[in-house]
Every structure is written in structure tokens, then in C-alpha cells.
């Protein structure tokens, strides 16, 4: 399956791309930075740093972490965090749709596609 990977550079204010968005999605699904980090194969410290970077990019926290208590705490996406994910995924879908003709041509031209392979016959001496 071919797909577009979208990275958005925000005029010197940072960037957002598939890794940061996936981290936000996993935090939202798991309710835990640790579980999200583990699912992505990264340390908790690295995940926390990325979440802080996203928050700095948008000027407000994208996660709300609570500690302790009877239920052991947890982490939720803030309204801003949810909005960032939603807007990014919408932009990604629109970019993919707009680029469908070019992606189809690239797929057809990609190595291994049978209609564009030429058989090379050895020279006879």
C-alpha cells in the first residue's frame, strides 16, 4: 500500500509529523504516556520530551497528566491535543487525495512493477 507521509513545518515555531501525531493518538487511546512510549519503542523520557515540544509549538499543553490516587493516575489529551490530531489527520487525508494521480504513476513506475520491466537478453557472441 502506498501512502503519503506528511510533515508540517510551522514557520519557525516547530513541526508536526506522523511520529508526534501517533504518540498523541496512543496517549489518548492508552491513557498513559508510558504505554504509548512502549508501543512506539521509545523511552518515557523521550515521549515526554516530544509531548513538551508539541505543547511549546502550540503554546499550551497537549496532554493532561494526573498522578497517584486510588486509580493510579493517567494521562489524557487536552482539547488542544485532540484538535492537533484531528487537523493533522484531515490535512493528511486531503494531501493524499490530491496526490492520488501522481502516487498511481509513481507506483506504476516503481521497481518491480511488471508492466515496466524490460527483459534483458544476453548478447550472443
C-alpha atoms as a PDB file:
ATOM      1  CA  UNK A   1       0.000   0.000   0.000  1.00  0.00           C
ATOM      2  CA  UNK A   2       1.379   3.404  -0.944  1.00  0.00           C
ATOM      3  CA  UNK A   3       0.779   6.370   1.298  1.00  0.00           C
ATOM      4  CA  UNK A   4       1.821   9.947   1.869  1.00  0.00           C
ATOM      5  CA  UNK A   5       3.733  10.882   4.989  1.00  0.00           C
ATOM      6  CA  UNK A   6       3.066  14.468   5.919  1.00  0.00           C
ATOM      7  CA  UNK A   7       5.374  16.706   7.935  1.00  0.00           C
ATOM      8  CA  UNK A   8       4.216  20.242   8.567  1.00  0.00           C
ATOM      9  CA  UNK A   9       6.826  22.887   9.406  1.00  0.00           C
ATOM     10  CA  UNK A  10       5.095  25.740  11.198  1.00  0.00           C
ATOM     11  CA  UNK A  11       7.026  28.880  10.174  1.00  0.00           C
ATOM     12  CA  UNK A  12       9.876  28.501  12.643  1.00  0.00           C
ATOM     13  CA  UNK A  13       7.570  27.521  15.501  1.00  0.00           C
ATOM     14  CA  UNK A  14       8.300  23.814  15.286  1.00  0.00           C
ATOM     15  CA  UNK A  15       6.930  20.967  13.257  1.00  0.00           C
ATOM     16  CA  UNK A  16       4.392  18.196  13.482  1.00  0.00           C
ATOM     17  CA  UNK A  17       4.562  14.902  11.664  1.00  0.00           C
ATOM     18  CA  UNK A  18       3.482  11.267  11.783  1.00  0.00           C
ATOM     19  CA  UNK A  19       5.575  10.283  14.819  1.00  0.00           C
ATOM     20  CA  UNK A  20       4.340  13.038  17.111  1.00  0.00           C
ATOM     21  CA  UNK A  21       0.763  12.548  15.951  1.00  0.00           C
ATOM     22  CA  UNK A  22       0.936   8.792  16.540  1.00  0.00           C
ATOM     23  CA  UNK A  23       2.319   9.443  20.027  1.00  0.00           C
ATOM     24  CA  UNK A  24      -0.623  11.739  20.785  1.00  0.00           C
ATOM     25  CA  UNK A  25      -3.072   9.143  19.447  1.00  0.00           C
ATOM     26  CA  UNK A  26      -1.542   6.391  21.575  1.00  0.00           C
ATOM     27  CA  UNK A  27      -1.579   8.544  24.705  1.00  0.00           C
ATOM     28  CA  UNK A  28      -5.253   9.247  24.037  1.00  0.00           C
ATOM     29  CA  UNK A  29      -6.026   5.553  23.493  1.00  0.00           C
ATOM     30  CA  UNK A  30      -3.944   4.131  26.366  1.00  0.00           C
ATOM     31  CA  UNK A  31      -4.398   6.949  28.880  1.00  0.00           C
ATOM     32  CA  UNK A  32      -0.703   6.592  29.662  1.00  0.00           C
ATOM     33  CA  UNK A  33       2.500   8.169  28.390  1.00  0.00           C
ATOM     34  CA  UNK A  34       4.441   5.069  29.468  1.00  0.00           C
ATOM     35  CA  UNK A  35       2.188   2.712  27.498  1.00  0.00           C
ATOM     36  CA  UNK A  36       2.255   4.984  24.450  1.00  0.00           C
ATOM     37  CA  UNK A  37       6.045   5.248  24.608  1.00  0.00           C
ATOM     38  CA  UNK A  38       6.399   1.495  24.960  1.00  0.00           C
ATOM     39  CA  UNK A  39       4.103   0.883  21.987  1.00  0.00           C
ATOM     40  CA  UNK A  40       6.349   3.144  19.900  1.00  0.00           C
ATOM     41  CA  UNK A  41       9.584   1.602  21.161  1.00  0.00           C
ATOM     42  CA  UNK A  42      10.821   4.736  22.902  1.00  0.00           C
ATOM     43  CA  UNK A  43      11.614   5.697  26.456  1.00  0.00           C
ATOM     44  CA  UNK A  44       9.192   7.531  28.683  1.00  0.00           C
ATOM     45  CA  UNK A  45      11.657  10.441  28.855  1.00  0.00           C
ATOM     46  CA  UNK A  46      11.802  10.746  25.067  1.00  0.00           C
ATOM     47  CA  UNK A  47       7.996  10.593  24.780  1.00  0.00           C
ATOM     48  CA  UNK A  48       7.614  13.243  27.490  1.00  0.00           C
ATOM     49  CA  UNK A  49      10.142  15.478  25.699  1.00  0.00           C
ATOM     50  CA  UNK A  50       8.197  15.156  22.429  1.00  0.00           C
ATOM     51  CA  UNK A  51       4.924  15.978  24.174  1.00  0.00           C
ATOM     52  CA  UNK A  52       6.554  19.047  25.728  1.00  0.00           C
ATOM     53  CA  UNK A  53       7.837  20.104  22.278  1.00  0.00           C
ATOM     54  CA  UNK A  54       4.351  19.780  20.808  1.00  0.00           C
ATOM     55  CA  UNK A  55       2.938  21.853  23.650  1.00  0.00           C
ATOM     56  CA  UNK A  56       5.612  24.518  23.115  1.00  0.00           C
ATOM     57  CA  UNK A  57       4.860  24.563  19.387  1.00  0.00           C
ATOM     58  CA  UNK A  58       1.183  25.278  20.024  1.00  0.00           C
ATOM     59  CA  UNK A  59       1.598  27.421  23.135  1.00  0.00           C
ATOM     60  CA  UNK A  60      -0.345  25.202  25.528  1.00  0.00           C
ATOM     61  CA  UNK A  61      -0.233  21.649  26.901  1.00  0.00           C
ATOM     62  CA  UNK A  62      -1.493  18.865  24.625  1.00  0.00           C
ATOM     63  CA  UNK A  63      -1.722  16.338  27.475  1.00  0.00           C
ATOM     64  CA  UNK A  64      -3.058  16.490  30.998  1.00  0.00           C
ATOM     65  CA  UNK A  65      -1.283  14.090  33.348  1.00  0.00           C
ATOM     66  CA  UNK A  66      -2.638  13.264  36.786  1.00  0.00           C
ATOM     67  CA  UNK A  67      -0.615  11.371  39.375  1.00  0.00           C
ATOM     68  CA  UNK A  68      -1.417   8.853  42.065  1.00  0.00           C
ATOM     69  CA  UNK A  69      -4.771   8.425  43.679  1.00  0.00           C
ATOM     70  CA  UNK A  70      -6.830   5.264  44.014  1.00  0.00           C
ATOM     71  CA  UNK A  71      -6.904   4.743  40.275  1.00  0.00           C
ATOM     72  CA  UNK A  72      -3.156   5.323  39.827  1.00  0.00           C
ATOM     73  CA  UNK A  73      -3.339   8.490  37.753  1.00  0.00           C
ATOM     74  CA  UNK A  74      -3.165   8.680  33.996  1.00  0.00           C
ATOM     75  CA  UNK A  75      -2.851  10.976  31.047  1.00  0.00           C
ATOM     76  CA  UNK A  76      -5.461  12.416  28.700  1.00  0.00           C
ATOM     77  CA  UNK A  77      -5.241  14.592  25.646  1.00  0.00           C
ATOM     78  CA  UNK A  78      -6.310  18.158  26.212  1.00  0.00           C
ATOM     79  CA  UNK A  79      -8.833  19.766  23.887  1.00  0.00           C
ATOM     80  CA  UNK A  80      -5.854  21.261  22.040  1.00  0.00           C
ATOM     81  CA  UNK A  81      -4.178  17.853  21.777  1.00  0.00           C
ATOM     82  CA  UNK A  82      -7.307  16.360  20.230  1.00  0.00           C
ATOM     83  CA  UNK A  83      -7.603  19.304  17.831  1.00  0.00           C
ATOM     84  CA  UNK A  84      -3.970  18.951  16.701  1.00  0.00           C
ATOM     85  CA  UNK A  85      -4.528  15.257  15.899  1.00  0.00           C
ATOM     86  CA  UNK A  86      -7.797  15.965  14.098  1.00  0.00           C
ATOM     87  CA  UNK A  87      -6.397  18.807  11.983  1.00  0.00           C
ATOM     88  CA  UNK A  88      -3.257  16.868  11.085  1.00  0.00           C
ATOM     89  CA  UNK A  89      -5.194  13.750  10.040  1.00  0.00           C
ATOM     90  CA  UNK A  90      -7.586  15.879   7.981  1.00  0.00           C
ATOM     91  CA  UNK A  91      -4.647  17.599   6.220  1.00  0.00           C
ATOM     92  CA  UNK A  92      -3.039  14.202   5.629  1.00  0.00           C
ATOM     93  CA  UNK A  93      -6.217  12.836   4.025  1.00  0.00           C
ATOM     94  CA  UNK A  94      -6.595  15.897   1.794  1.00  0.00           C
ATOM     95  CA  UNK A  95      -2.950  15.721   0.702  1.00  0.00           C
ATOM     96  CA  UNK A  96      -3.269  12.014  -0.118  1.00  0.00           C
ATOM     97  CA  UNK A  97      -6.437  12.585  -2.138  1.00  0.00           C
ATOM     98  CA  UNK A  98      -4.896  15.497  -4.041  1.00  0.00           C
ATOM     99  CA  UNK A  99      -1.804  13.440  -4.887  1.00  0.00           C
ATOM    100  CA  UNK A 100      -3.602  10.222  -5.968  1.00  0.00           C
ATOM    101  CA  UNK A 101      -2.804  10.572  -9.711  1.00  0.00           C
ATOM    102  CA  UNK A 102       0.897  11.151  -9.052  1.00  0.00           C
ATOM    103  CA  UNK A 103       1.052   8.351  -6.491  1.00  0.00           C
ATOM    104  CA  UNK A 104      -0.546   5.973  -9.004  1.00  0.00           C
ATOM    105  CA  UNK A 105       2.038   6.954 -11.622  1.00  0.00           C
ATOM    106  CA  UNK A 106       4.862   6.509  -9.129  1.00  0.00           C
ATOM    107  CA  UNK A 107       3.555   3.066  -8.173  1.00  0.00           C
ATOM    108  CA  UNK A 108       3.451   2.054 -11.825  1.00  0.00           C
ATOM    109  CA  UNK A 109       6.994   3.325 -12.337  1.00  0.00           C
ATOM    110  CA  UNK A 110       8.386   1.736  -9.183  1.00  0.00           C
ATOM    111  CA  UNK A 111      10.918  -1.032  -9.499  1.00  0.00           C
ATOM    112  CA  UNK A 112       9.349  -4.429  -9.604  1.00  0.00           C
ATOM    113  CA  UNK A 113       6.155  -3.359 -11.372  1.00  0.00           C
ATOM    114  CA  UNK A 114       5.704  -5.941 -14.118  1.00  0.00           C
ATOM    115  CA  UNK A 115       4.398  -3.667 -16.873  1.00  0.00           C
ATOM    116  CA  UNK A 116       7.567  -1.541 -16.872  1.00  0.00           C
ATOM    117  CA  UNK A 117      10.156  -4.295 -16.628  1.00  0.00           C
ATOM    118  CA  UNK A 118      12.158  -4.979 -19.688  1.00  0.00           C
ATOM    119  CA  UNK A 119      13.749  -8.314 -20.083  1.00  0.00           C
ATOM    120  CA  UNK A 120      17.408  -8.093 -20.861  1.00  0.00           C
ATOM    121  CA  UNK A 121      18.620 -10.715 -23.247  1.00  0.00           C
ATOM    122  CA  UNK A 122      22.285 -11.661 -23.143  1.00  0.00           C
ATOM    123  CA  UNK A 123      24.345 -10.723 -26.186  1.00  0.00           C
ATOM    124  CA  UNK A 124      25.343 -13.544 -28.446  1.00  0.00           C
ATOM    125  CA  UNK A 125      28.984 -13.568 -29.469  1.00  0.00           C
END
